[in-house]
Amino acid sequence: QLSEDVERVSENPTEEREGEMEVHEDSSSVILPDGELGTTTPSLRFSKTCLKNVFSVILLFIYLLLMAVAVFLVYQTISDFREKLKHPVMSVTYKEVSLYDAPGIAFYPGRARLLSCKHHYYDHIPPLINPGQPGDIECTTQRINYTDPFTNQTMKYALVVQGPRDVKKRELVFLQFHLNETDQDFSAIDYLLFSSFQEFVSSPEKAKFMKDCESSYSSWKFSGGFRTWVKMSLVKTKEEDGSETVEFKQETSVVNYIDQRTKPRSDQLFFVVFEWKDPFIETVQDIITANPWNMIALLCGIFLALFKAADFAKLSVKWMIKIRRRHLKRTRQVTNHIS
């Protein structure tokens, strides 16, 4: 039919335009119904587009889920940071030294009298030659009177002795006290430790210094008729305002003293030894484990992920709308062409 039409058009040139219209109409009517390729290609394209849309929706939901997780992480991070600010962690560090600042040992002997005081090394204390008799006092001592810081009425008498310094040589201070008589069934001498004997010596107001020490430090006792061995350790505590307080920990061991004097005596003897426990100074301070820079970095990463997820979701929606419009436009074109 096409060849006959072409011959007819060549014989009659005036009807060429009408022949071209008929050819187009006939060719479309012939090719479209019989050609299987024209009918299968749109369906394949439609299935691919539908599959892409399904994957895009699934991916969008995944990113929305990630955004929800990121928001939860932001909330949890801020909550943890606020909780750590309220509850700081105690940090303990140890600093090794070879020489301590000589501590001050304040005794409150009452009626007791200091008989001897010596510095020994390497834990070696020679036996007493004349126990109960005055001996050598080789320690640096200071005597001071001051009013009781708690009552402001009672006068107190304190004997301040310089403590040991050389921890490597195991320096110790050995003291002997004597009490002639007592009205009580048991007898003891009070003492307290403060951080620096040199600060006490150089203080212009020693009475005020001792009142402050008694208000700040704890006091202990050692009994008569025993040899009391005190091993000290120093603890420094840093407060939140930057100030530093010093206190002592001590381990005390008591050994019975066998009085071998020839005549039975009614007096009481006191023996006490002071030594450093170890060469480590313990420093205690409260630290906040929450680092604001780490939190800021984490929040920046989370917000960056949120923005990226939001940007991807926006692009995915735009792409889906664009694909949908293309599909509708192509469908309209095919329908118009067939019609």
Foldseek 3Di string as FASTA:
>chain_A
DLVVLVVVCVVPVVCVVVSVVVVVVVVVVPCVVPPPVVVVVLVVVVVVLVVVLVVLVVVLVVLVVLLVVLVVVLVVLVVVQVVLVVPFDKDKDKDFDQWAAWKKKKKQQPQKDWQEKDKDFPPDDDDDDDPPHHDYHPWDKDWDWAAALVPSPDITIIIITTAGIGQVRFIKMKTKIKFQADPDPWDKMKMWIDRHPVCLVPPPDNRVVVNVRPVQADMDIDTWQKEKEKAKAKEWEQEPVGDIDIYIDIDIDIGGDDDPDPDDGNMTMYMYMYTHPHRIHMYMYTDRPDDVVVSVVSSVVSVVSSVVSVVSSVVSVVVSVVSVVVSVVVVVVVVVVVD
